[in-house]
Amino acid sequence: MKLANSFAYDTGSYYDQLASASVEDATGDGILDLYVPSKGYSVPVEGTMLVCSSSYIRVQAANEVARMLNSLGFNITVKSMEYTEYKQALLQGNFDLYYGEVRLSPNFDLSPFFGATGTLNYGNLSDSTMMNLCSMALVNSGNTYNLYKRVCERGYITPILFKSYALYTTRGAVTEPTRYLDWFLPYTAQTAEGLMPELTSEQLLSFVPAVSALCRAECLQLLSLDSTNLAPSHWLLIAKAIRERYDRYDGFVISHGTDTMAYTAAALSYLIQGARKPIILTGAQKPISFDSTDSKVNLTDAFLCACSDTLHGVMIVFNGKVIQGTRACKTRTKSYEAFSSINYPYLAVLQDGCILQYIENACLPEPVFYDTLDERVALLKLIPGARAELAGWMLRHNDALILESFGVGGIPSYDGNDFLSVLEEGIQGGKTVVLTTQVQNEGSNVGVYQVGHKIRECPQVLEAFDMTTEAITGKLMWILGQTRAPAQIHRLFYTPVANDILNYRT
């Protein structure tokens, strides 16, 4: 800072003098002043904090640190610089403060900050005690406390966040520490119960400047929640928002968590039918602040597809693939290739900023919107030994039951466990039953084996054939939101919507 020129900065005596100096607002201007004993006058505690402009997260974090310091009476301004200029300023020691981001070694070796030839010793610090403490901590982790204690006492650096999300600093120097997590974990914020989404639409778009070259994008912050907490009421909210804005825009991009994205894509395919304009869902497997993030590519691809004149309706764009909304399924929990197209080809792939389209969906001059869903749809995944009374309980408490059976489909039957009778009883009570397979690819065909023939003889049980479970769920909620007449339910279920069912018999 500017006050650094008032002390001998080449040794630890600088910090010793700071510790003995008095700090007060001597001039009454609201900014703290430091009385310099050796000079006999006060200097304002002010300066400029440098930060690299290549990362939106870092710039925001630097501004937050400056805000907190200024709330304590300091006068800190933030200067955002391109990487080359920023690095040159650090190497030349031309700074008061700087906000940086480093990846420490697994043993948290801090010697690069304090060694005479340390690669991160931009202030040319010379403190033999610090180096001794660094060496001792590397030999014995029990000495780490003394090292960190001296770091905090001397104020060389202020570590903000480690990979384990631990924060430490001098007592009272930083308030509301959880606010930092908003910047370092852009899709999430730290709460007492764990992590939750936090990044706004505008912040998200700021990471992908390439979008501005494709279109003029406007943002709507409709929801901010973990996709695990998404419910059918939220699907209706999304559909309503698109309906109200359909005539104003050429395409729509929905940023969505990956866990339930396939369910949302399927549901929107039934709530918004025949749309000529592209309605794109996308997300990421890794947060946008990570160097290895897939978010920027997925977002850019999503907007590219949203600008297309030949892609129609609801789709998921992810990892360079364009997937029909009724055919998407999350098949990997960690890999970039998180989504697969089940029993249907990709609509298109993206390569080097170009859309290679294979299939053009049918569309209508104007889409048909729906605003009603029946949430009372349950799913029962069979396992060997499953009890029929469980299916009975679920039918009594819901309007429809999806039964995921084995292989090509069949209903188990063993002593005292008659699934078919339970299902027939539910159907007679006005319930809807759909039989599907828990095998992901190729679909069901209950007529192949004896265990499936009885189902074939009970036409009231609907067979899903090549549909995904996500599509079955969305379609049943949509159908039951329109009618409860068995003949109408049967007709609508076997009427293809957005290519959701192809290999079927009525």
Protein backbone atom coordinates (compact mmCIF):
# COMPACT_ATOMS: atom_id res chain seq x y z
CA MET A 1 0.00 0.00 0.00
CA LYS A 2 1.08 3.63 -0.12
CA LEU A 3 2.03 3.43 3.53
CA ALA A 4 4.57 0.75 2.63
CA ASN A 5 6.92 3.45 1.43
CA SER A 6 7.06 4.79 4.95
CA PHE A 7 8.71 1.64 6.30
CA ALA A 8 11.73 -0.50 5.62
CA TYR A 9 10.00 -3.12 3.50
CA ASP A 10 12.96 -5.38 2.83
CA THR A 11 12.92 -7.05 6.22
CA GLY A 12 10.50 -8.23 8.82
CA SER A 13 10.93 -4.89 10.61
CA TYR A 14 8.18 -3.50 8.35
CA TYR A 15 5.64 -5.69 10.08
CA ASP A 16 7.11 -5.02 13.51
CA GLN A 17 6.65 -1.28 12.95
CA LEU A 18 3.10 -1.83 11.70
CA ALA A 19 2.28 -3.79 14.84
CA SER A 20 3.46 -0.92 17.07
CA ALA A 21 1.87 1.85 15.02
CA SER A 22 -1.41 3.51 15.96
CA VAL A 23 -4.34 3.46 13.53
CA GLU A 24 -7.16 6.01 13.64
CA ASP A 25 -9.06 8.40 11.42
CA ALA A 26 -6.77 11.31 12.13
CA THR A 27 -8.17 13.61 9.43
CA GLY A 28 -11.85 12.83 9.98
CA ASP A 29 -12.46 11.84 6.35
CA GLY A 30 -13.79 8.36 7.18
CA ILE A 31 -10.54 6.65 6.11
CA LEU A 32 -8.16 5.14 8.62
CA ASP A 33 -4.75 6.76 9.00
CA LEU A 34 -1.58 5.14 10.28
CA TYR A 35 0.77 7.15 12.48
CA VAL A 36 4.38 6.47 11.44
CA PRO A 37 6.63 6.89 14.52
CA SER A 38 9.82 7.22 12.52
CA LYS A 39 8.34 9.93 10.33
CA GLY A 40 6.19 11.75 12.85
CA TYR A 41 3.07 11.96 10.66
CA SER A 42 0.03 9.94 9.60
CA VAL A 43 -0.61 8.39 6.21
CA PRO A 44 -3.94 7.08 4.92
CA VAL A 45 -4.35 3.32 4.79
CA GLU A 46 -5.21 3.10 1.10
CA GLY A 47 -4.07 1.37 -2.03
CA THR A 48 -4.98 -0.50 -5.20
CA MET A 49 -5.71 -4.21 -5.42
CA LEU A 50 -4.69 -5.87 -8.70
CA VAL A 51 -6.67 -8.77 -10.14
CA CYS A 52 -6.50 -10.65 -13.43
CA SER A 53 -9.50 -9.91 -15.65
CA SER A 54 -9.52 -13.34 -17.33
CA SER A 55 -11.77 -14.77 -14.62
CA TYR A 56 -15.10 -13.20 -13.70
CA ILE A 57 -15.04 -15.13 -10.42
CA ARG A 58 -11.70 -13.65 -9.36
CA VAL A 59 -12.77 -10.11 -10.21
CA GLN A 60 -15.93 -10.49 -8.18
CA ALA A 61 -14.02 -12.03 -5.26
CA ALA A 62 -11.49 -9.16 -5.33
CA ASN A 63 -14.32 -6.63 -5.25
CA GLU A 64 -15.87 -8.45 -2.31
CA VAL A 65 -12.58 -8.45 -0.38
CA ALA A 66 -12.16 -4.74 -1.11
CA ARG A 67 -15.72 -4.07 0.06
CA MET A 68 -15.06 -5.79 3.37
CA LEU A 69 -11.79 -3.95 3.91
CA ASN A 70 -13.42 -0.63 3.09
CA SER A 71 -16.19 -1.36 5.57
CA LEU A 72 -13.45 -1.49 8.22
CA GLY A 73 -12.14 1.97 7.28
CA PHE A 74 -9.57 1.18 4.58
CA ASN A 75 -9.64 2.80 1.15
CA ILE A 76 -9.05 0.05 -1.39
CA THR A 77 -9.78 0.24 -5.11
CA VAL A 78 -9.72 -2.74 -7.45
CA LYS A 79 -7.87 -2.62 -10.77
CA SER A 80 -8.69 -5.38 -13.24
CA MET A 81 -5.88 -6.13 -15.71
CA GLU A 82 -5.24 -8.43 -18.64
CA TYR A 83 -3.06 -11.41 -17.70
CA THR A 84 0.18 -10.20 -19.34
CA GLU A 85 -0.05 -6.76 -17.74
CA TYR A 86 -1.13 -8.25 -14.40
CA LYS A 87 1.77 -10.73 -14.32
CA GLN A 88 4.29 -8.03 -15.29
CA ALA A 89 3.08 -5.79 -12.46
CA LEU A 90 3.52 -8.61 -9.94
CA LEU A 91 7.01 -9.51 -11.16
CA GLN A 92 8.08 -5.86 -10.92
CA GLY A 93 6.55 -5.47 -7.46
CA ASN A 94 4.34 -2.70 -8.82
CA PHE A 95 1.34 -3.26 -6.54
CA ASP A 96 -0.11 -2.48 -3.14
CA LEU A 97 -2.28 -5.58 -2.88
CA TYR A 98 -3.14 -8.29 -5.35
CA TYR A 99 -5.79 -10.97 -5.50
CA GLY A 100 -4.43 -14.21 -6.91
CA GLU A 101 -5.38 -17.83 -7.22
CA VAL A 102 -2.87 -20.62 -6.75
CA ARG A 103 -2.92 -24.37 -6.58
CA LEU A 104 -0.84 -25.55 -3.64
CA SER A 105 0.98 -28.85 -3.51
CA PRO A 106 -0.76 -31.68 -1.59
CA ASN A 107 1.37 -30.96 1.49
CA PHE A 108 0.41 -27.24 1.45
CA ASP A 109 3.99 -26.08 0.90
CA LEU A 110 4.02 -22.28 1.44
CA SER A 111 7.73 -21.80 0.75
CA PRO A 112 7.05 -20.37 -2.79
CA PHE A 113 5.51 -17.35 -1.02
CA PHE A 114 8.40 -16.68 1.36
CA GLY A 115 11.62 -18.10 -0.09
CA ALA A 116 14.15 -15.69 -1.55
CA THR A 117 13.70 -17.37 -4.95
CA GLY A 118 10.07 -18.37 -4.39
CA THR A 119 7.98 -18.28 -7.58
CA LEU A 120 5.14 -16.52 -5.73
CA ASN A 121 7.27 -14.16 -3.63
CA TYR A 122 6.25 -11.10 -5.66
CA GLY A 123 6.82 -8.74 -2.72
CA ASN A 124 10.43 -9.91 -2.29
CA LEU A 125 9.73 -10.82 1.32
CA SER A 126 12.69 -11.76 3.46
CA ASP A 127 11.78 -13.54 6.64
CA SER A 128 14.06 -16.37 7.77
CA THR A 129 11.65 -17.30 10.56
CA MET A 130 8.90 -17.91 8.03
CA MET A 131 11.10 -20.13 5.92
CA ASN A 132 12.12 -22.16 8.96
CA LEU A 133 8.44 -22.60 9.86
CA CYS A 134 7.65 -23.70 6.29
CA SER A 135 10.40 -26.31 6.43
CA MET A 136 9.31 -27.59 9.83
CA ALA A 137 5.69 -27.90 8.68
CA LEU A 138 6.76 -30.00 5.69
CA VAL A 139 8.68 -32.37 7.96
CA ASN A 140 6.01 -32.55 10.66
CA SER A 141 2.41 -31.48 10.07
CA GLY A 142 2.11 -30.78 13.79
CA ASN A 143 4.10 -27.60 13.21
CA THR A 144 1.52 -26.28 10.74
CA TYR A 145 -0.31 -24.29 13.42
CA ASN A 146 2.76 -22.15 14.18
CA LEU A 147 3.25 -21.49 10.46
CA TYR A 148 -0.32 -20.38 9.87
CA LYS A 149 -0.31 -18.36 13.11
CA ARG A 150 2.64 -16.32 11.88
CA VAL A 151 1.02 -15.86 8.46
CA CYS A 152 -2.05 -14.38 10.13
CA GLU A 153 -0.06 -12.28 12.60
CA ARG A 154 2.28 -10.80 10.01
CA GLY A 155 -0.32 -10.29 7.30
CA TYR A 156 1.87 -11.29 4.36
CA ILE A 157 -0.97 -13.12 2.68
CA THR A 158 -4.59 -13.79 3.55
CA PRO A 159 -5.68 -17.23 2.41
CA ILE A 160 -9.37 -17.16 1.58
CA LEU A 161 -10.40 -20.57 0.36
CA PHE A 162 -8.92 -24.01 0.08
CA LYS A 163 -10.22 -26.97 -1.91
CA SER A 164 -11.85 -28.31 1.25
CA TYR A 165 -13.73 -24.99 1.48
CA ALA A 166 -11.98 -24.06 4.76
CA LEU A 167 -11.45 -20.37 5.42
CA TYR A 168 -9.03 -18.74 7.80
CA THR A 169 -7.86 -15.21 8.31
CA THR A 170 -7.07 -12.88 11.16
CA ARG A 171 -9.93 -12.58 13.60
CA GLY A 172 -12.50 -10.03 12.50
CA ALA A 173 -10.71 -9.07 9.30
CA VAL A 174 -13.25 -10.83 7.10
CA THR A 175 -16.98 -10.84 7.77
CA GLU A 176 -19.62 -13.12 6.30
CA PRO A 177 -17.05 -15.66 5.07
CA THR A 178 -19.64 -17.82 3.33
CA ARG A 179 -20.12 -15.04 0.77
CA TYR A 180 -16.79 -16.03 -0.74
CA LEU A 181 -18.15 -19.42 -1.63
CA ASP A 182 -20.62 -17.80 -4.00
CA TRP A 183 -17.74 -16.74 -6.17
CA PHE A 184 -15.59 -19.82 -5.98
CA LEU A 185 -18.43 -22.27 -6.51
CA PRO A 186 -20.47 -20.46 -9.17
CA TYR A 187 -23.36 -22.92 -9.34
CA THR A 188 -23.52 -23.20 -5.57
CA ALA A 189 -23.48 -21.35 -2.28
CA GLN A 190 -22.65 -22.70 1.15
CA THR A 191 -25.48 -23.05 3.62
CA ALA A 192 -25.80 -24.75 6.98
CA GLU A 193 -27.42 -27.68 5.18
CA GLY A 194 -24.88 -27.91 2.34
CA LEU A 195 -24.42 -26.48 -1.13
CA MET A 196 -27.18 -24.90 -3.20
CA PRO A 197 -27.37 -23.08 -6.59
CA GLU A 198 -26.57 -19.36 -6.57
CA LEU A 199 -25.21 -18.05 -9.90
CA THR A 200 -27.52 -15.67 -11.75
CA SER A 201 -28.29 -15.87 -15.46
CA GLU A 202 -26.34 -12.69 -16.14
CA GLN A 203 -23.29 -14.01 -14.29
CA LEU A 204 -23.51 -17.27 -16.20
CA LEU A 205 -23.60 -15.50 -19.57
CA SER A 206 -20.60 -13.35 -18.64
CA PHE A 207 -18.44 -16.46 -18.87
CA VAL A 208 -19.30 -17.04 -22.53
CA PRO A 209 -18.66 -13.81 -24.46
CA ALA A 210 -18.91 -15.82 -27.71
CA VAL A 211 -22.70 -15.81 -27.26
CA SER A 212 -22.85 -12.07 -28.02
CA ALA A 213 -21.53 -12.80 -31.51
CA LEU A 214 -24.35 -15.28 -32.12
CA CYS A 215 -27.38 -13.39 -30.87
CA ARG A 216 -28.73 -10.77 -28.52
CA ALA A 217 -29.51 -12.72 -25.37
CA GLU A 218 -31.87 -11.59 -22.62
CA CYS A 219 -32.02 -13.28 -19.24
CA LEU A 220 -34.84 -14.38 -16.98
CA GLN A 221 -33.98 -15.74 -13.53
CA LEU A 222 -36.96 -18.03 -13.19
CA LEU A 223 -35.67 -20.46 -10.55
CA SER A 224 -32.59 -20.96 -8.38
CA LEU A 225 -32.64 -24.42 -6.88
CA ASP A 226 -30.92 -27.78 -7.11
CA SER A 227 -32.48 -29.77 -9.94
CA THR A 228 -33.10 -32.61 -7.48
CA ASN A 229 -35.74 -30.34 -5.93
CA LEU A 230 -37.55 -29.74 -9.22
CA ALA A 231 -41.21 -30.74 -9.24
CA PRO A 232 -43.96 -30.81 -11.91
CA SER A 233 -45.12 -27.39 -10.71
CA HIS A 234 -41.75 -26.02 -11.85
CA TRP A 235 -42.20 -27.58 -15.30
CA LEU A 236 -45.49 -25.72 -15.59
CA LEU A 237 -43.73 -22.52 -14.54
CA ILE A 238 -41.07 -22.94 -17.24
CA ALA A 239 -43.67 -23.73 -19.90
CA LYS A 240 -45.71 -20.69 -18.85
CA ALA A 241 -42.65 -18.43 -19.09
CA ILE A 242 -41.92 -19.66 -22.63
CA ARG A 243 -45.56 -19.31 -23.64
CA GLU A 244 -45.67 -15.69 -22.48
CA ARG A 245 -42.48 -14.86 -24.40
CA TYR A 246 -42.79 -17.17 -27.38
CA ASP A 247 -43.54 -14.40 -29.90
CA ARG A 248 -40.70 -12.17 -28.67
CA TYR A 249 -37.76 -14.52 -29.22
CA ASP A 250 -36.36 -16.79 -31.92
CA GLY A 251 -35.19 -19.47 -29.49
CA PHE A 252 -34.87 -20.36 -25.83
CA VAL A 253 -31.98 -21.69 -23.71
CA ILE A 254 -32.72 -23.18 -20.28
CA SER A 255 -29.79 -23.59 -17.89
CA HIS A 256 -30.59 -26.67 -15.83
CA GLY A 257 -28.95 -29.03 -13.35
CA THR A 258 -28.10 -32.37 -14.92
CA ASP A 259 -29.74 -34.66 -12.36
CA THR A 260 -33.33 -34.13 -13.55
CA MET A 261 -32.72 -32.43 -16.88
CA ALA A 262 -34.03 -35.42 -18.87
CA TYR A 263 -37.29 -35.38 -16.90
CA THR A 264 -37.72 -31.65 -17.54
CA ALA A 265 -36.95 -32.06 -21.25
CA ALA A 266 -39.54 -34.83 -21.54
CA ALA A 267 -42.20 -32.91 -19.60
CA LEU A 268 -41.70 -29.75 -21.67
CA SER A 269 -42.04 -31.85 -24.83
CA TYR A 270 -45.64 -32.58 -23.79
CA LEU A 271 -46.42 -29.14 -22.39
CA ILE A 272 -45.12 -27.37 -25.53
CA GLN A 273 -45.98 -29.43 -28.62
CA GLY A 274 -45.10 -28.65 -32.21
CA ALA A 275 -42.88 -25.65 -31.49
CA ARG A 276 -41.05 -24.37 -34.56
CA LYS A 277 -38.59 -22.47 -32.39
CA PRO A 278 -35.79 -24.38 -30.62
CA ILE A 279 -36.14 -24.82 -26.87
CA ILE A 280 -32.74 -25.94 -25.58
CA LEU A 281 -31.80 -27.35 -22.18
CA THR A 282 -28.16 -27.54 -21.15
CA GLY A 283 -25.95 -27.66 -18.09
CA ALA A 284 -22.56 -28.93 -17.03
CA GLN A 285 -20.83 -31.69 -15.13
CA LYS A 286 -18.21 -29.33 -13.66
CA PRO A 287 -18.70 -25.76 -12.34
CA ILE A 288 -17.95 -22.95 -14.73
CA SER A 289 -15.05 -21.63 -12.61
CA PHE A 290 -13.08 -24.86 -13.03
CA ASP A 291 -10.34 -24.88 -15.67
CA SER A 292 -11.72 -28.21 -16.87
CA THR A 293 -15.36 -27.08 -16.99
CA ASP A 294 -17.65 -28.22 -19.79
CA SER A 295 -20.10 -25.42 -19.05
CA LYS A 296 -18.72 -22.83 -21.48
CA VAL A 297 -18.75 -25.21 -24.44
CA ASN A 298 -22.23 -26.50 -23.62
CA LEU A 299 -23.64 -22.99 -23.22
CA THR A 300 -22.10 -21.79 -26.46
CA ASP A 301 -23.40 -24.87 -28.30
CA ALA A 302 -26.85 -24.38 -26.77
CA PHE A 303 -27.08 -20.80 -28.04
CA LEU A 304 -25.80 -21.87 -31.43
CA CYS A 305 -28.63 -24.41 -31.64
CA ALA A 306 -31.15 -21.88 -30.33
CA CYS A 307 -30.28 -19.69 -33.33
CA SER A 308 -30.99 -22.51 -35.82
CA ASP A 309 -33.90 -22.34 -38.26
CA THR A 310 -34.03 -26.12 -38.72
CA LEU A 311 -33.95 -27.39 -35.13
CA HIS A 312 -37.47 -27.46 -33.70
CA GLY A 313 -39.00 -28.16 -30.32
CA VAL A 314 -37.49 -29.29 -27.04
CA MET A 315 -33.93 -30.67 -27.05
CA ILE A 316 -30.98 -31.26 -24.78
CA VAL A 317 -27.62 -29.96 -26.05
CA PHE A 318 -24.74 -31.52 -24.18
CA ASN A 319 -21.17 -32.56 -24.99
CA GLY A 320 -21.56 -31.75 -28.66
CA LYS A 321 -24.78 -33.78 -29.09
CA VAL A 322 -28.34 -32.64 -29.78
CA ILE A 323 -30.82 -35.04 -28.21
CA GLN A 324 -34.59 -35.22 -28.68
CA GLY A 325 -36.25 -34.09 -25.45
CA THR A 326 -38.29 -37.29 -25.13
CA ARG A 327 -35.28 -39.53 -25.75
CA ALA A 328 -32.68 -38.13 -23.38
CA CYS A 329 -31.44 -40.01 -20.35
CA LYS A 330 -28.61 -39.26 -17.96
CA THR A 331 -26.39 -42.32 -18.20
CA ARG A 332 -23.19 -41.08 -16.51
CA THR A 333 -22.78 -39.27 -13.21
CA LYS A 334 -19.31 -37.75 -13.69
CA SER A 335 -18.22 -37.93 -17.33
CA TYR A 336 -18.71 -35.06 -19.78
CA GLU A 337 -20.77 -37.41 -21.93
CA ALA A 338 -23.51 -37.44 -19.32
CA PHE A 339 -26.54 -37.87 -21.60
CA SER A 340 -27.45 -40.53 -24.14
CA SER A 341 -30.20 -40.70 -26.73
CA ILE A 342 -32.20 -43.85 -25.99
CA ASN A 343 -33.61 -45.86 -28.90
CA TYR A 344 -33.37 -42.87 -31.21
CA PRO A 345 -30.54 -41.20 -33.20
CA TYR A 346 -29.01 -37.86 -32.28
CA LEU A 347 -30.79 -35.00 -33.99
CA ALA A 348 -27.44 -33.34 -34.69
CA VAL A 349 -23.85 -33.06 -33.51
CA LEU A 350 -21.70 -29.95 -33.11
CA GLN A 351 -18.17 -29.72 -34.46
CA ASP A 352 -15.98 -26.62 -34.50
CA GLY A 353 -18.93 -24.28 -34.11
CA CYS A 354 -20.97 -25.96 -36.85
CA ILE A 355 -24.24 -27.91 -36.54
CA LEU A 356 -24.26 -31.19 -38.45
CA GLN A 357 -27.97 -31.98 -38.47
CA TYR A 358 -29.29 -35.45 -39.28
CA ILE A 359 -33.00 -35.18 -38.44
CA GLU A 360 -35.44 -32.28 -38.70
CA ASN A 361 -38.40 -32.63 -36.39
CA ALA A 362 -41.92 -31.96 -37.57
CA CYS A 363 -43.44 -28.77 -36.23
CA LEU A 364 -46.62 -26.70 -36.38
CA PRO A 365 -47.14 -23.12 -37.54
CA GLU A 366 -47.94 -22.33 -33.91
CA PRO A 367 -47.17 -24.52 -30.88
CA VAL A 368 -49.84 -26.03 -28.68
CA PHE A 369 -49.32 -25.21 -25.01
CA TYR A 370 -50.73 -27.10 -22.03
CA ASP A 371 -50.94 -25.90 -18.47
CA THR A 372 -52.16 -28.93 -16.50
CA LEU A 373 -50.30 -31.95 -15.11
CA ASP A 374 -51.33 -34.73 -12.77
CA GLU A 375 -48.44 -35.20 -10.34
CA ARG A 376 -49.85 -38.41 -8.85
CA VAL A 377 -47.72 -40.74 -10.95
CA ALA A 378 -45.56 -43.35 -9.20
CA LEU A 379 -42.73 -45.62 -10.30
CA LEU A 380 -42.00 -49.11 -8.98
CA LYS A 381 -38.78 -50.78 -10.03
CA LEU A 382 -39.07 -54.53 -9.55
CA ILE A 383 -36.40 -56.62 -7.90
CA PRO A 384 -36.48 -60.39 -7.35
CA GLY A 385 -38.85 -61.09 -4.47
CA ALA A 386 -40.73 -57.80 -4.74
CA ARG A 387 -44.11 -57.94 -3.01
CA ALA A 388 -47.32 -57.28 -4.90
CA GLU A 389 -48.85 -55.39 -1.97
CA LEU A 390 -46.31 -52.62 -2.56
CA ALA A 391 -47.78 -52.09 -6.02
CA GLY A 392 -51.24 -52.12 -4.45
CA TRP A 393 -50.26 -49.45 -1.91
CA MET A 394 -48.80 -47.23 -4.64
CA LEU A 395 -51.92 -47.58 -6.78
CA ARG A 396 -54.15 -46.61 -3.88
CA HIS A 397 -52.16 -43.43 -3.29
CA ASN A 398 -51.61 -42.40 -6.92
CA ASP A 399 -53.52 -42.10 -10.17
CA ALA A 400 -51.00 -44.05 -12.25
CA LEU A 401 -48.24 -46.57 -11.71
CA ILE A 402 -45.22 -47.19 -13.94
CA LEU A 403 -43.96 -50.71 -13.38
CA GLU A 404 -40.34 -51.27 -14.40
CA SER A 405 -40.05 -54.99 -14.98
CA PHE A 406 -37.19 -57.24 -16.12
CA GLY A 407 -35.85 -57.82 -19.63
CA VAL A 408 -38.43 -57.48 -22.41
CA GLY A 409 -41.17 -57.32 -19.80
CA GLY A 410 -43.13 -59.70 -17.65
CA ILE A 411 -44.93 -59.90 -14.35
CA PRO A 412 -43.51 -62.15 -11.62
CA SER A 413 -45.80 -64.70 -10.06
CA TYR A 414 -45.00 -66.77 -7.00
CA ASP A 415 -46.89 -68.12 -4.01
CA GLY A 416 -49.03 -65.47 -2.38
CA ASN A 417 -47.73 -62.73 -4.64
CA ASP A 418 -50.08 -62.15 -7.57
CA PHE A 419 -49.04 -58.90 -9.22
CA LEU A 420 -51.53 -59.21 -12.07
CA SER A 421 -54.52 -59.40 -9.72
CA VAL A 422 -53.29 -56.32 -7.84
CA LEU A 423 -52.86 -54.41 -11.10
CA GLU A 424 -56.28 -55.44 -12.40
CA GLU A 425 -57.87 -54.33 -9.14
CA GLY A 426 -56.20 -50.95 -9.45
CA ILE A 427 -57.36 -50.58 -13.07
CA GLN A 428 -60.93 -51.41 -12.06
CA GLY A 429 -60.62 -48.62 -9.51
CA GLY A 430 -59.85 -46.14 -12.26
CA LYS A 431 -56.05 -46.26 -12.06
CA THR A 432 -53.66 -46.30 -15.02
CA VAL A 433 -50.86 -48.89 -15.24
CA VAL A 434 -47.90 -48.80 -17.63
CA LEU A 435 -45.45 -51.68 -17.98
CA THR A 436 -41.91 -50.87 -19.10
CA THR A 437 -38.49 -52.42 -18.83
CA GLN A 438 -35.68 -51.37 -16.54
CA VAL A 439 -33.25 -52.25 -19.35
CA GLN A 440 -32.25 -48.97 -20.94
CA ASN A 441 -32.03 -49.90 -24.62
CA GLU A 442 -34.25 -51.64 -27.20
CA GLY A 443 -37.50 -51.54 -25.23
CA SER A 444 -40.09 -54.05 -24.09
CA ASN A 445 -41.99 -56.86 -25.82
CA VAL A 446 -44.13 -58.68 -23.27
CA GLY A 447 -45.28 -61.34 -25.75
CA VAL A 448 -41.88 -63.02 -25.99
CA TYR A 449 -42.01 -65.06 -22.77
CA GLN A 450 -44.77 -66.81 -20.90
CA VAL A 451 -44.48 -64.38 -17.96
CA GLY A 452 -45.55 -61.59 -20.29
CA HIS A 453 -48.45 -63.28 -22.08
CA LYS A 454 -50.92 -62.60 -19.27
CA ILE A 455 -50.14 -58.89 -19.55
CA ARG A 456 -50.80 -59.03 -23.29
CA GLU A 457 -54.19 -60.55 -22.45
CA CYS A 458 -54.94 -57.54 -20.21
CA PRO A 459 -55.16 -54.63 -22.68
CA GLN A 460 -55.87 -52.16 -19.90
CA VAL A 461 -52.19 -52.42 -18.95
CA LEU A 462 -50.31 -50.11 -21.29
CA GLU A 463 -46.94 -51.24 -22.63
CA ALA A 464 -44.23 -48.60 -23.07
CA PHE A 465 -42.23 -50.41 -25.79
CA ASP A 466 -39.25 -48.16 -26.70
CA MET A 467 -40.12 -45.16 -24.50
CA THR A 468 -37.80 -43.89 -21.77
CA THR A 469 -38.97 -43.82 -18.17
CA GLU A 470 -38.58 -40.04 -18.20
CA ALA A 471 -40.89 -39.77 -21.21
CA ILE A 472 -43.44 -42.17 -19.72
CA THR A 473 -43.53 -40.06 -16.55
CA GLY A 474 -44.06 -36.78 -18.38
CA LYS A 475 -46.58 -38.25 -20.80
CA LEU A 476 -48.73 -39.83 -18.09
CA MET A 477 -48.78 -36.59 -16.09
CA TRP A 478 -49.80 -34.71 -19.24
CA ILE A 479 -52.47 -37.24 -20.30
CA LEU A 480 -54.04 -37.50 -16.86
CA GLY A 481 -54.07 -33.73 -16.69
CA GLN A 482 -56.37 -33.77 -19.74
CA THR A 483 -58.63 -36.81 -19.28
CA ARG A 484 -59.51 -39.77 -17.07
CA ALA A 485 -61.41 -41.71 -19.76
CA PRO A 486 -59.64 -45.07 -20.32
CA ALA A 487 -60.20 -44.99 -24.10
CA GLN A 488 -58.74 -41.49 -24.35
CA ILE A 489 -55.79 -42.39 -22.13
CA HIS A 490 -55.09 -45.40 -24.35
CA ARG A 491 -55.31 -43.32 -27.54
CA LEU A 492 -53.12 -40.49 -26.27
CA PHE A 493 -50.50 -42.82 -24.83
CA TYR A 494 -49.96 -44.55 -28.17
CA THR A 495 -50.06 -41.32 -30.18
CA PRO A 496 -46.43 -40.32 -30.83
CA VAL A 497 -45.42 -36.92 -29.47
CA ALA A 498 -41.98 -35.57 -30.36
CA ASN A 499 -40.87 -39.05 -31.48
CA ASP A 500 -41.36 -40.47 -28.00
CA ILE A 501 -42.68 -43.89 -29.11
CA LEU A 502 -42.05 -45.59 -32.46
CA ASN A 503 -41.95 -49.37 -32.05
CA TYR A 504 -45.41 -50.05 -30.63
CA ARG A 505 -48.61 -52.06 -31.10
CA THR A 506 -52.01 -50.86 -29.97
